[in-house]
Amino acid sequence: MTKKIGADNLGRFYTEGKVRNRREWRGFKDTAYDYTRWLGIMFTLGKFIVKPRNIKGMFRYRWMSNYLAVPMMVDRHTQGLRDEYLRMCHVEQDLIIQDVAKLLDNLFRGDKRLGNDEEFSKKVVLVDENEMTAVMMGFPTLKCLSRETPSTYVPVLLNQHSMEYYIDKIEEFGMAPDVCPMPAAEAGVSVDGDAPIVGACAIQCNTTCDGSLLSNGIIGKRLEAEGIPTFQLAAPLRHREEDVQEYAAQEIRNAIAFIEEHTGEKWDWKTYFECARRVNYATKCRQEWLDMNRTDYPQVFGSNLALYTETNYMAICGKIEAFEKADRKLTKLAEQAFEAKRMAVPEYRHRAIVWGVQSHFYFDFLLWLLNCWGIVPLTDMLSMVSTKMIAEEDTPQNREQAYYDMAWLTENMIMRNRTHGGYKVLLDELWEFVDQFNADMVILWEHTSCKALDGMHGLFEDRAREKGVHLVWVCHDLFDPRVVSRQGVRDQINSYMRTVFNEEPLDPTLEVLPDGNSW
């Protein structure tokens, strides 16, 4: 019951039910801060739910009930954190929660079943959850919304069982059960009629895999049946090759022209370059965080890096000024902690690169690695995105370059930049990062339904032997905990740490947790 890091046995907070038995005591200053942020989250949720259309949405859409677990999700991601680490997590999580609340509010406002604001709906462009939103950077009067983000991606972070119904539903419609459960769940939401009906048009992209393409086809058919025309943005697969960039840029031009045709709005270069400047600032900050992580005192890592990068880089893409302010604040906090040589747990035993398609139903696994075993997850595959600065000054030359920059961002969006482009981006660059970050471990998610990455299993093992780096495979099925449970994920690490390293956990109470039914 003290402020000291590592003093509490965090596993004792868990119960056999859905909630923890009490809040964590972090000393007066940090506990007071954490409690005020908890009140802030409750205010955001309360502000959202007081609107009648949003109350209707809670009862209309099955997946909405999972949002009751938002405070619990934040508690899971702040376990054991103190000082700057706690504040960085709240800066990120609180902003993401606010952004998702606005997204839901806008979806329900235009939804034909709920708010039915037809004039507002004419200003909405729907995009994939897995899509880089660069093509929306020059449309200040339009709303760029995703139906899949709040209905599929976020609920599984809140409640690991949230997508089982939709996975089963799409399999009833004939989809093979070995398809990745993420696009399967998205398609299940659509065919079950559980997605808001809103928007003047939609943009889909050939995202990460054949499963995603299959899902997009199903969702696209449903959208067009609902009167929402859909554009298929086909980004090149060989995205590191120069000879495909002209084609990629033309796809961006075509997508922008499609949006202009169906919304009546025109592309605004002033707004685009303002967004481009914010994209560059976010890239600069992310590079500074990663530079710190190459030292003995990493600061922005684990889910603090991963969740925020996924949102800021791809979904926001410079369009919201609040994220630039957050970048500035996060960098300041990280620099303070770095100068003070702070550590998030009493002992850093191992430095790990986390690679592969991560388990979304157990995303706080990264913090668990740190608290339980002293493994620092320095960076992960989805956080290693574009480090390229794009043109941010409005000139005739840069207006032409902007199409290539937006194409580059689209080609290098999260996960796609590693699952496409040849084995170099997935295999070779991993070991370059191992050297750069002075890592002694690679934790490699083995997603059982991901054919592309699983097909390279032997190549990863051969390289690990050559480098003398510990490679730990962690099996999971992304959105479906019925295949590998949360404890099944943890047991794979527990077994390796005990049998190979002959180590005992920093916090033994975290080794086995009764959280199979918890949020």
Protein backbone atom coordinates (compact mmCIF):
# COMPACT_ATOMS: atom_id res chain seq x y z
CA MET A 1 0.00 0.00 0.00
CA THR A 2 2.77 2.42 -0.96
CA LYS A 3 3.83 4.63 -3.82
CA LYS A 4 6.95 2.55 -4.43
CA ILE A 5 6.97 0.85 -7.83
CA GLY A 6 6.60 -2.91 -7.58
CA ALA A 7 5.43 -2.86 -3.96
CA ASP A 8 1.95 -4.23 -4.70
CA ASN A 9 1.12 -7.74 -5.86
CA LEU A 10 -1.06 -6.71 -8.81
CA GLY A 11 -2.64 -10.12 -9.30
CA ARG A 12 -4.48 -9.76 -5.99
CA PHE A 13 -6.70 -7.06 -7.49
CA TYR A 14 -8.38 -9.62 -9.74
CA THR A 15 -11.54 -11.45 -8.73
CA GLU A 16 -13.35 -14.42 -10.26
CA GLY A 17 -15.96 -12.00 -11.59
CA LYS A 18 -15.75 -9.18 -14.12
CA VAL A 19 -14.28 -6.43 -11.93
CA ARG A 20 -11.34 -5.92 -9.61
CA ASN A 21 -11.75 -5.97 -5.84
CA ARG A 22 -10.35 -2.46 -5.33
CA ARG A 23 -8.42 0.33 -7.01
CA GLU A 24 -4.64 0.43 -6.84
CA TRP A 25 -2.98 2.64 -4.21
CA ARG A 26 -0.09 4.52 -5.80
CA GLY A 27 0.70 7.00 -3.05
CA PHE A 28 -1.34 10.17 -2.56
CA LYS A 29 -0.15 12.18 -5.59
CA ASP A 30 -0.47 9.44 -8.21
CA THR A 31 -3.67 7.99 -6.73
CA ALA A 32 -5.30 11.42 -6.72
CA TYR A 33 -4.22 12.01 -10.31
CA ASP A 34 -5.46 8.59 -11.43
CA TYR A 35 -8.79 9.15 -9.68
CA THR A 36 -9.33 12.55 -11.33
CA ARG A 37 -8.65 10.95 -14.71
CA TRP A 38 -11.17 8.20 -13.84
CA LEU A 39 -13.72 10.92 -13.14
CA GLY A 40 -12.80 12.50 -16.48
CA ILE A 41 -13.50 9.22 -18.28
CA MET A 42 -16.85 8.93 -16.52
CA PHE A 43 -17.67 12.51 -17.57
CA THR A 44 -16.85 11.67 -21.22
CA LEU A 45 -19.08 8.59 -21.07
CA GLY A 46 -21.86 10.49 -19.28
CA LYS A 47 -21.74 13.35 -21.80
CA PHE A 48 -22.11 10.80 -24.59
CA ILE A 49 -24.99 8.79 -23.15
CA VAL A 50 -27.27 11.72 -22.18
CA LYS A 51 -28.26 12.19 -25.83
CA PRO A 52 -31.48 10.29 -26.62
CA ARG A 53 -30.15 8.89 -29.92
CA ASN A 54 -27.12 7.48 -28.13
CA ILE A 55 -29.32 5.82 -25.52
CA LYS A 56 -31.24 4.26 -28.41
CA GLY A 57 -27.91 3.11 -29.84
CA MET A 58 -27.04 1.35 -26.58
CA PHE A 59 -30.15 -0.83 -27.01
CA ARG A 60 -30.09 -1.11 -30.82
CA TYR A 61 -26.54 -2.42 -31.31
CA ARG A 62 -25.35 -5.53 -29.51
CA TRP A 63 -21.71 -4.40 -29.41
CA MET A 64 -22.53 -1.14 -27.59
CA SER A 65 -22.91 -2.87 -24.20
CA ASN A 66 -19.14 -3.47 -24.18
CA TYR A 67 -18.54 0.25 -23.71
CA LEU A 68 -19.63 -0.09 -20.10
CA ALA A 69 -16.17 -1.60 -19.56
CA VAL A 70 -14.17 1.46 -20.70
CA PRO A 71 -12.98 2.41 -17.17
CA MET A 72 -11.92 -1.19 -16.54
CA MET A 73 -9.88 -1.26 -19.76
CA VAL A 74 -7.99 1.85 -18.67
CA ASP A 75 -7.34 0.25 -15.27
CA ARG A 76 -5.78 -2.76 -17.01
CA HIS A 77 -3.49 -0.52 -19.05
CA THR A 78 -2.34 1.53 -16.04
CA GLN A 79 -1.53 -1.38 -13.68
CA GLY A 80 1.55 -0.60 -11.62
CA LEU A 81 2.34 2.65 -13.44
CA ARG A 82 3.63 5.67 -11.54
CA ASP A 83 4.89 9.20 -12.24
CA GLU A 84 5.40 10.04 -15.92
CA TYR A 85 4.43 6.56 -17.11
CA LEU A 86 0.99 6.90 -15.54
CA ARG A 87 0.52 10.36 -16.99
CA MET A 88 1.61 9.33 -20.48
CA CYS A 89 -0.87 6.48 -20.43
CA HIS A 90 -3.73 8.74 -19.39
CA VAL A 91 -2.84 11.44 -21.92
CA GLU A 92 -3.12 8.82 -24.63
CA GLN A 93 -6.01 6.72 -23.35
CA ASP A 94 -8.20 9.67 -22.35
CA LEU A 95 -7.77 11.30 -25.77
CA ILE A 96 -8.52 8.05 -27.58
CA ILE A 97 -11.66 7.57 -25.46
CA GLN A 98 -12.83 11.09 -26.31
CA ASP A 99 -12.16 10.49 -30.00
CA VAL A 100 -14.10 7.20 -30.04
CA ALA A 101 -16.99 8.86 -28.18
CA LYS A 102 -17.11 11.58 -30.87
CA LEU A 103 -16.94 8.92 -33.57
CA LEU A 104 -19.91 7.05 -32.08
CA ASP A 105 -21.86 10.27 -31.60
CA ASN A 106 -21.34 11.23 -35.24
CA LEU A 107 -22.24 7.75 -36.51
CA PHE A 108 -25.45 7.74 -34.49
CA ARG A 109 -26.30 11.30 -35.55
CA GLY A 110 -26.40 10.33 -39.21
CA ASP A 111 -27.59 6.74 -38.72
CA LYS A 112 -30.94 6.17 -40.45
CA ARG A 113 -32.03 4.00 -37.52
CA LEU A 114 -31.19 6.56 -34.82
CA GLY A 115 -30.52 10.26 -35.43
CA ASN A 116 -31.34 10.16 -39.17
CA ASP A 117 -29.74 13.57 -39.80
CA GLU A 118 -29.77 13.38 -43.61
CA GLU A 119 -27.89 16.61 -44.22
CA PHE A 120 -25.14 15.54 -41.83
CA SER A 121 -24.98 12.09 -43.46
CA LYS A 122 -24.28 13.73 -46.82
CA LYS A 123 -21.03 15.05 -45.33
CA VAL A 124 -19.85 11.65 -44.06
CA VAL A 125 -17.27 9.49 -45.83
CA LEU A 126 -16.90 5.97 -44.44
CA VAL A 127 -13.45 4.35 -44.35
CA ASP A 128 -12.10 0.94 -43.38
CA GLU A 129 -10.92 0.33 -39.83
CA ASN A 130 -7.66 -0.90 -41.37
CA GLU A 131 -7.27 2.05 -43.72
CA MET A 132 -4.93 5.01 -43.72
CA THR A 133 -7.14 8.11 -43.83
CA ALA A 134 -4.70 10.27 -45.81
CA VAL A 135 -7.24 10.79 -48.63
CA MET A 136 -9.38 12.79 -46.17
CA MET A 137 -6.66 15.26 -45.15
CA GLY A 138 -7.88 17.91 -47.62
CA PHE A 139 -11.62 17.82 -46.87
CA PRO A 140 -12.20 20.11 -43.84
CA THR A 141 -16.00 20.12 -44.17
CA LEU A 142 -16.39 16.34 -44.37
CA LYS A 143 -16.52 13.79 -41.57
CA CYS A 144 -14.21 10.80 -41.94
CA LEU A 145 -15.88 7.98 -39.98
CA SER A 146 -15.30 4.26 -39.56
CA ARG A 147 -18.10 1.83 -38.72
CA GLU A 148 -15.71 -1.04 -38.02
CA THR A 149 -13.62 0.79 -35.40
CA PRO A 150 -16.38 1.22 -32.77
CA SER A 151 -18.36 -1.91 -33.68
CA THR A 152 -15.50 -4.43 -33.98
CA TYR A 153 -12.02 -3.20 -33.08
CA VAL A 154 -12.70 -1.29 -29.85
CA PRO A 155 -15.21 -3.75 -28.27
CA VAL A 156 -12.70 -6.61 -28.34
CA LEU A 157 -10.26 -4.42 -26.38
CA LEU A 158 -12.99 -3.89 -23.79
CA ASN A 159 -14.40 -7.41 -23.57
CA GLN A 160 -12.52 -10.36 -25.00
CA HIS A 161 -15.74 -12.25 -25.76
CA SER A 162 -17.43 -9.38 -27.62
CA MET A 163 -16.85 -10.66 -31.16
CA GLU A 164 -17.68 -14.35 -30.69
CA TYR A 165 -21.32 -13.83 -31.70
CA TYR A 166 -20.37 -12.10 -34.96
CA ILE A 167 -17.66 -14.64 -35.83
CA ASP A 168 -20.24 -17.41 -35.44
CA LYS A 169 -22.80 -15.40 -37.41
CA ILE A 170 -20.61 -14.99 -40.51
CA GLU A 171 -19.68 -18.68 -40.41
CA GLU A 172 -23.41 -19.45 -40.49
CA PHE A 173 -23.50 -17.46 -43.71
CA GLY A 174 -20.81 -19.69 -45.20
CA MET A 175 -17.46 -18.04 -44.45
CA ALA A 176 -14.74 -20.62 -43.76
CA PRO A 177 -13.82 -20.91 -40.06
CA ASP A 178 -10.08 -20.59 -40.78
CA VAL A 179 -10.46 -16.98 -42.01
CA CYS A 180 -8.86 -14.40 -39.69
CA PRO A 181 -11.50 -13.58 -37.05
CA MET A 182 -10.93 -9.84 -37.37
CA PRO A 183 -12.33 -9.40 -40.92
CA ALA A 184 -14.74 -12.25 -40.17
CA ALA A 185 -16.17 -10.31 -37.22
CA GLU A 186 -16.40 -7.11 -39.29
CA ALA A 187 -18.33 -8.99 -41.98
CA GLY A 188 -20.49 -10.60 -39.29
CA VAL A 189 -21.48 -7.20 -37.92
CA SER A 190 -22.44 -6.10 -41.42
CA VAL A 191 -24.49 -9.14 -42.45
CA ASP A 192 -26.23 -9.14 -39.06
CA GLY A 193 -27.44 -5.60 -39.74
CA ASP A 194 -25.56 -4.29 -36.72
CA ALA A 195 -23.65 -1.46 -38.43
CA PRO A 196 -24.96 2.13 -38.58
CA ILE A 197 -26.41 3.18 -41.95
CA VAL A 198 -24.78 6.52 -42.68
CA GLY A 199 -22.63 8.26 -45.26
CA ALA A 200 -22.55 9.79 -48.73
CA CYS A 201 -19.93 7.27 -49.90
CA ALA A 202 -17.28 4.87 -48.65
CA ILE A 203 -13.61 4.18 -49.36
CA GLN A 204 -12.26 0.66 -48.92
CA CYS A 205 -8.66 -0.44 -49.34
CA ASN A 206 -6.91 -3.71 -50.18
CA THR A 207 -5.66 -3.83 -46.64
CA THR A 208 -3.61 -6.58 -45.09
CA CYS A 209 -4.66 -10.01 -46.35
CA ASP A 210 -7.04 -12.11 -48.42
CA GLY A 211 -9.37 -12.35 -45.43
CA SER A 212 -9.65 -8.56 -45.31
CA LEU A 213 -10.36 -8.44 -49.05
CA LEU A 214 -13.08 -11.06 -48.61
CA SER A 215 -14.61 -9.09 -45.75
CA ASN A 216 -14.44 -5.82 -47.71
CA GLY A 217 -16.32 -7.46 -50.57
CA ILE A 218 -19.13 -8.54 -48.24
CA ILE A 219 -19.26 -5.16 -46.49
CA GLY A 220 -19.06 -3.31 -49.82
CA LYS A 221 -22.07 -5.21 -51.17
CA ARG A 222 -24.01 -4.37 -48.01
CA LEU A 223 -23.04 -0.68 -48.26
CA GLU A 224 -24.18 -0.43 -51.85
CA ALA A 225 -27.45 -2.17 -50.94
CA GLU A 226 -27.90 0.58 -48.34
CA GLY A 227 -27.36 3.24 -51.02
CA ILE A 228 -23.74 4.04 -50.14
CA PRO A 229 -21.45 3.88 -53.22
CA THR A 230 -18.03 2.37 -52.49
CA PHE A 231 -14.59 3.01 -53.99
CA GLN A 232 -11.97 0.26 -53.83
CA LEU A 233 -8.55 1.86 -53.34
CA ALA A 234 -6.00 -0.68 -54.60
CA ALA A 235 -2.60 0.19 -53.13
CA PRO A 236 0.39 -1.65 -54.66
CA LEU A 237 1.60 -4.77 -52.88
CA ARG A 238 5.29 -4.15 -53.72
CA HIS A 239 5.18 -0.85 -51.89
CA ARG A 240 8.97 -0.41 -51.57
CA GLU A 241 9.47 -0.46 -55.35
CA GLU A 242 9.79 2.85 -57.22
CA ASP A 243 8.09 1.60 -60.36
CA VAL A 244 4.70 1.27 -58.61
CA GLN A 245 4.56 4.74 -57.09
CA GLU A 246 2.99 6.48 -60.10
CA TYR A 247 0.18 3.94 -60.07
CA ALA A 248 -0.19 4.40 -56.30
CA ALA A 249 -0.43 8.18 -56.68
CA GLN A 250 -3.07 7.80 -59.39
CA GLU A 251 -5.16 5.65 -57.05
CA ILE A 252 -5.10 8.54 -54.55
CA ARG A 253 -6.20 10.98 -57.26
CA ASN A 254 -9.03 8.64 -58.22
CA ALA A 255 -10.18 8.27 -54.61
CA ILE A 256 -10.21 12.04 -54.07
CA ALA A 257 -12.18 12.54 -57.30
CA PHE A 258 -14.68 9.89 -56.14
CA ILE A 259 -15.19 11.69 -52.82
CA GLU A 260 -15.65 15.04 -54.57
CA GLU A 261 -18.20 13.53 -56.96
CA HIS A 262 -20.36 11.98 -54.25
CA THR A 263 -20.17 14.74 -51.62
CA GLY A 264 -20.02 17.87 -53.77
CA GLU A 265 -17.03 19.09 -51.73
CA LYS A 266 -13.69 20.16 -53.20
CA TRP A 267 -10.20 19.32 -52.03
CA ASP A 268 -8.61 22.12 -49.98
CA TRP A 269 -4.82 22.37 -50.22
CA LYS A 270 -4.47 24.74 -47.26
CA THR A 271 -6.14 22.20 -44.97
CA TYR A 272 -4.11 19.34 -46.44
CA PHE A 273 -0.75 20.98 -45.74
CA GLU A 274 -1.83 21.87 -42.20
CA CYS A 275 -2.54 18.17 -41.68
CA ALA A 276 0.76 17.25 -43.34
CA ARG A 277 2.64 19.43 -40.87
CA ARG A 278 0.94 17.64 -37.96
CA VAL A 279 1.71 14.25 -39.52
CA ASN A 280 5.39 15.23 -39.68
CA TYR A 281 5.35 16.40 -36.07
CA ALA A 282 3.84 13.08 -34.97
CA THR A 283 6.53 11.23 -36.95
CA LYS A 284 9.26 13.36 -35.36
CA CYS A 285 7.93 12.68 -31.84
CA ARG A 286 7.60 8.95 -32.49
CA GLN A 287 11.21 8.85 -33.69
CA GLU A 288 12.37 10.62 -30.53
CA TRP A 289 10.51 8.09 -28.38
CA LEU A 290 12.08 5.20 -30.28
CA ASP A 291 15.51 6.80 -29.91
CA MET A 292 15.02 6.80 -26.14
CA ASN A 293 13.99 3.15 -26.33
CA ARG A 294 17.35 2.31 -27.87
CA THR A 295 19.03 3.38 -24.62
CA ASP A 296 19.14 1.76 -21.19
CA TYR A 297 16.20 3.95 -20.12
CA PRO A 298 13.30 3.46 -22.56
CA GLN A 299 10.27 5.61 -21.82
CA VAL A 300 7.42 5.32 -24.38
CA PHE A 301 6.95 1.60 -24.92
CA GLY A 302 4.41 -1.21 -24.60
CA SER A 303 0.77 -0.24 -25.00
CA ASN A 304 1.73 3.40 -24.33
CA LEU A 305 3.41 3.27 -27.74
CA ALA A 306 1.24 0.72 -29.54
CA LEU A 307 -2.34 1.85 -28.90
CA TYR A 308 -1.56 5.52 -29.43
CA THR A 309 0.45 4.91 -32.61
CA GLU A 310 -2.39 2.89 -34.14
CA THR A 311 -4.84 5.72 -33.51
CA ASN A 312 -2.71 8.79 -34.21
CA TYR A 313 -0.83 7.53 -37.25
CA MET A 314 -3.62 5.88 -39.19
CA ALA A 315 -7.06 7.02 -38.00
CA ILE A 316 -6.17 10.65 -37.20
CA CYS A 317 -3.45 11.29 -39.81
CA GLY A 318 -3.02 14.95 -38.83
CA LYS A 319 -6.72 15.85 -39.02
CA ILE A 320 -7.26 16.61 -35.31
CA GLU A 321 -5.19 19.28 -33.59
CA ALA A 322 -5.65 17.75 -30.13
CA PHE A 323 -3.33 14.89 -31.06
CA GLU A 324 -0.50 17.31 -31.85
CA LYS A 325 -0.90 18.80 -28.37
CA ALA A 326 -0.82 15.28 -26.94
CA ASP A 327 2.37 14.51 -28.89
CA ARG A 328 3.99 17.57 -27.39
CA LYS A 329 2.92 16.68 -23.86
CA LEU A 330 3.98 13.04 -24.22
CA THR A 331 7.42 14.04 -25.48
CA LYS A 332 7.88 16.43 -22.56
CA LEU A 333 6.91 13.73 -20.05
CA ALA A 334 9.20 11.19 -21.73
CA GLU A 335 12.13 13.61 -21.69
CA GLN A 336 11.57 14.33 -17.99
CA ALA A 337 11.54 10.63 -17.17
CA PHE A 338 14.59 10.00 -19.35
CA GLU A 339 16.63 12.73 -17.67
CA ALA A 340 15.69 11.31 -14.28
CA LYS A 341 16.60 7.77 -15.49
CA ARG A 342 13.22 6.46 -14.37
CA MET A 343 12.13 2.85 -14.78
CA ALA A 344 8.57 1.53 -14.88
CA VAL A 345 9.37 -1.55 -12.72
CA PRO A 346 12.21 -2.15 -10.25
CA GLU A 347 14.18 -4.34 -12.67
CA TYR A 348 14.50 -4.59 -16.45
CA ARG A 349 15.61 -8.16 -17.09
CA HIS A 350 15.10 -8.43 -20.84
CA ARG A 351 14.70 -6.12 -23.81
CA ALA A 352 12.18 -7.43 -26.33
CA ILE A 353 10.93 -6.61 -29.81
CA VAL A 354 7.30 -7.73 -30.16
CA TRP A 355 6.55 -8.81 -33.73
CA GLY A 356 3.63 -10.17 -35.69
CA VAL A 357 -0.14 -9.68 -35.58
CA GLN A 358 -0.92 -9.07 -31.93
CA SER A 359 -3.79 -10.50 -29.91
CA HIS A 360 -6.39 -7.73 -29.70
CA PHE A 361 -8.47 -9.46 -27.05
CA TYR A 362 -5.44 -9.26 -24.76
CA PHE A 363 -3.75 -6.01 -25.69
CA ASP A 364 -2.52 -5.23 -22.17
CA PHE A 365 -0.25 -8.26 -22.57
CA LEU A 366 2.57 -5.77 -23.17
CA LEU A 367 2.17 -4.26 -19.70
CA TRP A 368 1.80 -7.74 -18.21
CA LEU A 369 5.21 -8.69 -19.67
CA LEU A 370 6.74 -5.76 -17.84
CA ASN A 371 5.01 -6.21 -14.49
CA CYS A 372 5.22 -9.99 -14.28
CA TRP A 373 8.61 -10.83 -15.81
CA GLY A 374 10.49 -7.53 -16.18
CA ILE A 375 10.45 -7.84 -19.98
CA VAL A 376 10.49 -4.40 -21.61
CA PRO A 377 8.49 -4.42 -24.89
CA LEU A 378 10.60 -1.74 -26.59
CA THR A 379 8.51 -1.59 -29.74
CA ASP A 380 6.11 -3.73 -31.74
CA MET A 381 5.55 -4.43 -35.42
CA LEU A 382 2.51 -2.20 -35.75
CA SER A 383 4.39 0.78 -34.27
CA MET A 384 7.22 0.53 -36.81
CA VAL A 385 5.52 2.53 -39.53
CA SER A 386 6.67 5.32 -41.84
CA THR A 387 9.56 7.51 -40.69
CA LYS A 388 9.48 9.57 -43.88
CA MET A 389 8.78 13.31 -43.71
CA ILE A 390 6.19 14.45 -46.24
CA ALA A 391 5.94 17.81 -48.03
CA GLU A 392 4.26 20.36 -45.77
CA GLU A 393 4.72 23.68 -47.62
CA ASP A 394 2.06 24.68 -50.15
CA THR A 395 3.86 25.06 -53.50
CA PRO A 396 2.91 23.87 -57.00
CA GLN A 397 5.64 21.21 -56.83
CA ASN A 398 4.53 20.02 -53.40
CA ARG A 399 0.91 19.78 -54.52
CA GLU A 400 2.01 17.19 -57.04
CA GLN A 401 4.29 15.52 -54.49
CA ALA A 402 1.38 15.32 -52.06
CA TYR A 403 -0.29 12.58 -54.11
CA TYR A 404 2.86 10.48 -53.82
CA ASP A 405 3.10 11.25 -50.09
CA MET A 406 -0.51 10.18 -49.48
CA ALA A 407 0.17 7.05 -51.53
CA TRP A 408 3.26 6.34 -49.41
CA LEU A 409 1.28 6.71 -46.20
CA THR A 410 -1.45 4.42 -47.56
CA GLU A 411 1.07 1.80 -48.66
CA ASN A 412 2.80 1.92 -45.28
CA MET A 413 -0.24 1.92 -43.05
CA ILE A 414 -0.12 -0.15 -39.90
CA MET A 415 0.42 -3.89 -40.41
CA ARG A 416 0.13 -3.61 -44.20
CA ASN A 417 3.67 -2.22 -44.42
CA ARG A 418 4.97 -5.51 -42.93
CA THR A 419 2.60 -8.05 -44.47
CA HIS A 420 3.18 -6.71 -48.00
CA GLY A 421 6.39 -5.81 -49.81
CA GLY A 422 8.33 -9.07 -49.63
CA TYR A 423 10.14 -10.89 -46.85
CA LYS A 424 12.56 -7.99 -46.30
CA VAL A 425 10.00 -5.80 -44.53
CA LEU A 426 8.71 -8.66 -42.36
CA LEU A 427 11.81 -10.78 -41.80
CA ASP A 428 15.03 -8.87 -42.52
CA GLU A 429 14.06 -5.58 -40.87
CA LEU A 430 13.05 -7.32 -37.67
CA TRP A 431 16.66 -8.32 -37.05
CA GLU A 432 17.85 -4.83 -37.94
CA PHE A 433 15.56 -3.52 -35.19
CA VAL A 434 16.90 -6.18 -32.80
CA ASP A 435 20.39 -4.75 -33.32
CA GLN A 436 19.30 -1.11 -33.17
CA PHE A 437 17.38 -1.57 -29.90
CA ASN A 438 19.95 -3.93 -28.37
CA ALA A 439 17.21 -6.49 -27.77
CA ASP A 440 17.93 -9.97 -26.41
CA MET A 441 14.42 -11.34 -27.10
CA VAL A 442 11.87 -11.41 -29.87
CA ILE A 443 8.31 -12.21 -28.83
CA LEU A 444 6.61 -13.31 -32.03
CA TRP A 445 2.84 -13.48 -32.10
CA GLU A 446 1.77 -16.55 -34.07
CA HIS A 447 -1.75 -15.78 -35.22
CA THR A 448 -3.19 -19.18 -36.09
CA SER A 449 -5.41 -17.80 -38.89
CA CYS A 450 -2.69 -15.63 -40.48
CA LYS A 451 -1.35 -17.72 -43.36
CA ALA A 452 1.21 -15.16 -44.57
CA LEU A 453 3.19 -14.84 -41.35
CA ASP A 454 2.83 -18.46 -40.25
CA GLY A 455 4.31 -19.57 -43.56
CA MET A 456 7.62 -17.95 -42.55
CA HIS A 457 7.89 -19.73 -39.19
CA GLY A 458 11.06 -21.62 -40.08
CA LEU A 459 12.79 -18.55 -41.53
CA PHE A 460 12.26 -16.63 -38.30
CA GLU A 461 13.73 -19.50 -36.28
CA ASP A 462 16.77 -19.80 -38.55
CA ARG A 463 17.55 -16.09 -38.21
CA ALA A 464 17.10 -16.20 -34.43
CA ARG A 465 19.65 -19.03 -34.19
CA GLU A 466 22.10 -17.11 -36.38
CA LYS A 467 21.75 -13.99 -34.22
CA GLY A 468 21.76 -15.83 -30.88
CA VAL A 469 18.50 -14.11 -29.92
CA HIS A 470 15.77 -15.77 -27.86
CA LEU A 471 12.64 -16.22 -30.00
CA VAL A 472 9.40 -16.87 -28.12
CA TRP A 473 6.36 -17.91 -30.14
CA VAL A 474 3.01 -16.88 -28.67
CA CYS A 475 -0.03 -18.48 -30.32
CA HIS A 476 -3.42 -16.75 -30.41
CA ASP A 477 -6.37 -16.18 -32.74
CA LEU A 478 -6.57 -12.37 -32.71
CA PHE A 479 -10.28 -11.76 -31.90
CA ASP A 480 -11.32 -15.22 -30.67
CA PRO A 481 -10.21 -16.25 -27.14
CA ARG A 482 -11.98 -19.59 -27.53
CA VAL A 483 -8.98 -20.81 -29.55
CA VAL A 484 -6.28 -19.54 -27.17
CA SER A 485 -7.38 -17.88 -23.94
CA ARG A 486 -5.75 -14.99 -22.13
CA GLN A 487 -4.17 -17.43 -19.70
CA GLY A 488 -3.14 -19.59 -22.64
CA VAL A 489 -1.22 -16.61 -24.01
CA ARG A 490 0.44 -15.96 -20.65
CA ASP A 491 1.30 -19.62 -20.09
CA GLN A 492 3.46 -19.66 -23.22
CA ILE A 493 5.62 -16.88 -21.77
CA ASN A 494 5.56 -18.38 -18.29
CA SER A 495 6.80 -21.71 -19.61
CA TYR A 496 9.64 -20.16 -21.61
CA MET A 497 10.83 -17.92 -18.79
CA ARG A 498 10.90 -20.80 -16.29
CA THR A 499 12.33 -23.56 -18.48
CA VAL A 500 14.78 -21.63 -20.69
CA PHE A 501 15.82 -18.69 -18.51
CA ASN A 502 15.22 -20.48 -15.19
CA GLU A 503 13.77 -17.25 -13.80
CA GLU A 504 11.10 -16.46 -11.24
CA PRO A 505 8.55 -13.70 -11.97
CA LEU A 506 8.91 -10.21 -10.51
CA ASP A 507 5.29 -10.46 -9.39
CA PRO A 508 4.25 -14.13 -8.92
CA THR A 509 0.59 -13.17 -8.46
CA LEU A 510 0.39 -12.16 -12.13
CA GLU A 511 1.56 -15.51 -13.48
CA VAL A 512 -1.93 -17.06 -13.38
CA LEU A 513 -4.97 -14.77 -13.31
CA PRO A 514 -8.71 -15.57 -12.96
CA ASP A 515 -9.63 -13.14 -15.74
CA GLY A 516 -11.28 -15.48 -18.26
CA ASN A 517 -14.60 -13.67 -17.90
CA SER A 518 -13.36 -10.25 -16.80
CA TRP A 519 -13.41 -7.10 -18.87
